[in-house]
N, C-alpha and C. Protein backbone atom coordinates (compact mmCIF):
# COMPACT_ATOMS: atom_id res chain seq x y z
N MET A 1 130.60 96.71 124.22
CA MET A 1 131.98 96.47 125.23
C MET A 1 132.46 95.24 124.80
N TRP A 2 133.84 95.39 124.20
CA TRP A 2 134.58 94.17 123.89
C TRP A 2 135.99 93.97 124.87
N THR A 3 135.70 92.51 125.67
CA THR A 3 136.88 92.13 126.51
C THR A 3 137.64 91.10 126.75
N ALA A 4 138.93 91.16 126.67
CA ALA A 4 140.27 90.56 126.53
C ALA A 4 140.96 89.84 127.78
N GLY A 5 141.02 88.82 127.71
CA GLY A 5 141.76 88.43 128.83
C GLY A 5 142.73 87.13 128.27
N TYR A 6 144.54 87.43 129.15
CA TYR A 6 145.28 86.48 128.85
C TYR A 6 146.13 86.77 129.41
N ARG A 7 147.20 86.06 129.75
CA ARG A 7 148.23 85.53 130.46
C ARG A 7 149.70 85.92 129.58
N HIS A 8 150.15 86.48 130.51
CA HIS A 8 151.74 86.71 129.95
C HIS A 8 152.80 86.84 130.64
N GLY A 9 153.56 86.07 130.63
CA GLY A 9 154.53 86.33 132.17
C GLY A 9 154.45 85.57 133.34
N GLY A 10 153.06 84.60 133.46
CA GLY A 10 153.03 84.13 134.19
C GLY A 10 151.54 85.11 135.10
N GLU A 11 151.20 86.15 134.80
CA GLU A 11 150.39 86.86 134.97
C GLU A 11 149.33 87.11 134.37
N ALA A 12 147.69 87.45 134.69
CA ALA A 12 147.01 87.51 133.81
C ALA A 12 146.33 88.79 133.84
N TRP A 13 146.01 89.67 132.18
CA TRP A 13 146.15 90.52 131.97
C TRP A 13 144.81 90.70 131.31
N HIS A 14 143.97 91.78 131.89
CA HIS A 14 142.33 92.09 131.42
C HIS A 14 142.03 93.31 130.58
N VAL A 15 141.87 93.45 129.61
CA VAL A 15 141.37 94.33 129.05
C VAL A 15 139.98 94.73 128.26
N LEU A 16 139.19 96.25 128.73
CA LEU A 16 138.11 96.32 128.32
C LEU A 16 138.20 97.38 126.98
N ILE A 17 137.24 97.05 125.46
CA ILE A 17 137.83 98.35 125.04
C ILE A 17 135.90 98.92 124.62
N SER A 18 135.57 100.16 124.43
CA SER A 18 134.08 100.53 124.37
C SER A 18 133.93 100.36 122.92
N ALA A 19 132.89 99.77 122.65
CA ALA A 19 132.76 99.65 121.22
C ALA A 19 132.08 100.83 120.67
N THR A 20 131.90 101.95 121.47
CA THR A 20 131.56 103.10 121.06
C THR A 20 132.60 104.25 120.68
N THR A 21 132.66 104.20 121.81
CA THR A 21 134.25 105.88 122.05
C THR A 21 135.34 105.22 121.12
N GLY A 22 135.56 103.65 121.59
CA GLY A 22 137.02 103.01 121.17
C GLY A 22 137.98 103.61 122.48
N GLN A 23 137.06 103.90 123.87
CA GLN A 23 138.05 103.99 125.16
C GLN A 23 139.21 102.69 125.14
N VAL A 24 140.17 102.73 125.79
CA VAL A 24 140.91 101.44 126.24
C VAL A 24 140.93 101.27 127.64
N VAL A 25 140.55 100.32 128.32
CA VAL A 25 140.92 99.97 129.87
C VAL A 25 141.26 99.37 130.47
N GLY A 26 142.84 98.94 131.07
CA GLY A 26 143.30 97.91 131.48
C GLY A 26 144.87 98.23 131.76
N ARG A 27 145.52 97.21 132.02
CA ARG A 27 147.20 97.32 131.77
C ARG A 27 147.42 96.44 130.67
N ARG A 28 148.68 96.64 130.39
CA ARG A 28 149.04 95.27 129.29
C ARG A 28 151.04 95.81 129.26
N PRO A 29 151.21 94.61 129.58
CA PRO A 29 152.67 94.37 129.53
C PRO A 29 153.88 94.64 128.65
N TYR A 30 154.79 95.93 129.18
CA TYR A 30 155.60 95.95 128.33
C TYR A 30 156.98 95.61 128.40
N SER A 31 157.08 95.41 126.98
CA SER A 31 158.67 95.27 126.61
C SER A 31 159.75 95.45 126.22
N ALA A 32 161.04 95.43 127.16
CA ALA A 32 161.83 95.80 127.71
C ALA A 32 162.86 96.20 126.48
N TRP A 33 163.31 94.62 125.78
CA TRP A 33 163.98 94.51 124.77
C TRP A 33 163.42 95.54 123.31
N LYS A 34 162.38 95.53 123.42
CA LYS A 34 161.17 96.45 122.23
C LYS A 34 161.24 97.88 122.34
N ILE A 35 161.10 98.30 123.80
CA ILE A 35 161.47 99.58 124.41
C ILE A 35 163.01 100.03 123.85
N ALA A 36 163.78 99.07 124.02
CA ALA A 36 165.46 99.51 123.76
C ALA A 36 165.70 99.64 122.14
N SER A 37 165.11 98.96 121.80
CA SER A 37 165.33 98.75 120.14
C SER A 37 164.98 100.13 119.65
N LEU A 38 163.58 100.38 120.29
CA LEU A 38 163.27 101.51 119.61
C LEU A 38 164.22 103.20 120.13
N VAL A 39 164.80 102.84 121.43
CA VAL A 39 165.64 104.29 121.59
C VAL A 39 166.80 104.07 120.86
N GLY A 40 166.99 102.65 120.59
CA GLY A 40 168.78 102.97 119.98
C GLY A 40 168.39 103.30 118.32
N SER A 41 166.96 102.94 117.72
CA SER A 41 166.78 102.98 115.97
C SER A 41 167.02 104.98 116.01
N VAL A 42 166.16 105.03 117.14
CA VAL A 42 165.44 106.83 117.11
C VAL A 42 167.62 107.77 117.21
N LEU A 43 168.27 106.92 117.92
CA LEU A 43 169.35 107.62 118.21
C LEU A 43 169.83 107.18 117.32
N ALA A 44 170.35 106.13 116.49
CA ALA A 44 171.12 105.72 115.41
C ALA A 44 170.26 106.73 114.10
N VAL A 45 169.35 106.88 113.79
CA VAL A 45 168.95 107.77 112.85
C VAL A 45 169.38 109.50 113.26
N VAL A 46 169.04 109.77 114.60
CA VAL A 46 169.65 111.03 114.98
C VAL A 46 171.37 111.23 114.45
N ALA A 47 172.08 110.40 114.73
CA ALA A 47 173.45 110.54 114.48
C ALA A 47 173.76 110.54 113.04
N VAL A 48 172.77 109.92 112.23
CA VAL A 48 173.12 109.73 110.61
C VAL A 48 172.58 111.15 110.28
N LEU A 49 171.42 111.39 110.81
CA LEU A 49 171.03 113.19 110.30
C LEU A 49 172.69 114.44 111.20
N ILE A 50 172.98 113.93 112.25
CA ILE A 50 173.83 114.57 112.46
C ILE A 50 175.06 115.13 111.73
N GLY A 51 175.66 113.50 111.44
CA GLY A 51 176.67 113.19 110.03
C GLY A 51 176.28 113.97 109.30
N ALA A 52 175.20 113.97 108.67
CA ALA A 52 175.17 114.49 107.25
C ALA A 52 174.78 115.44 107.21
N ILE A 53 174.55 116.51 108.52
CA ILE A 53 174.87 117.93 108.25
C ILE A 53 176.64 118.04 108.72
N VAL A 54 176.98 118.05 109.22
CA VAL A 54 178.25 117.86 109.18
C VAL A 54 179.28 117.97 108.20
N VAL A 55 178.61 116.77 107.82
CA VAL A 55 179.68 116.69 106.57
C VAL A 55 179.43 117.22 105.30
N SER A 56 178.19 117.89 105.23
CA SER A 56 178.13 118.74 104.07
C SER A 56 178.25 120.08 104.38
N ARG A 57 178.83 120.26 105.24
CA ARG A 57 179.40 121.71 105.80
C ARG A 57 180.89 122.13 105.14
């Protein structure tokens, strides 16, 4: 069993990882700007693909 504890944003976070199965138990902080940038990147790629399809017709 692996265990990790750290502080982020003034809150304590704890994670347990089973060395046998690899199962992870615990919560983790989410970064709003990283999620937003991922969504924006996916939308940009979809827009480029749609634009390429429309231009090629």
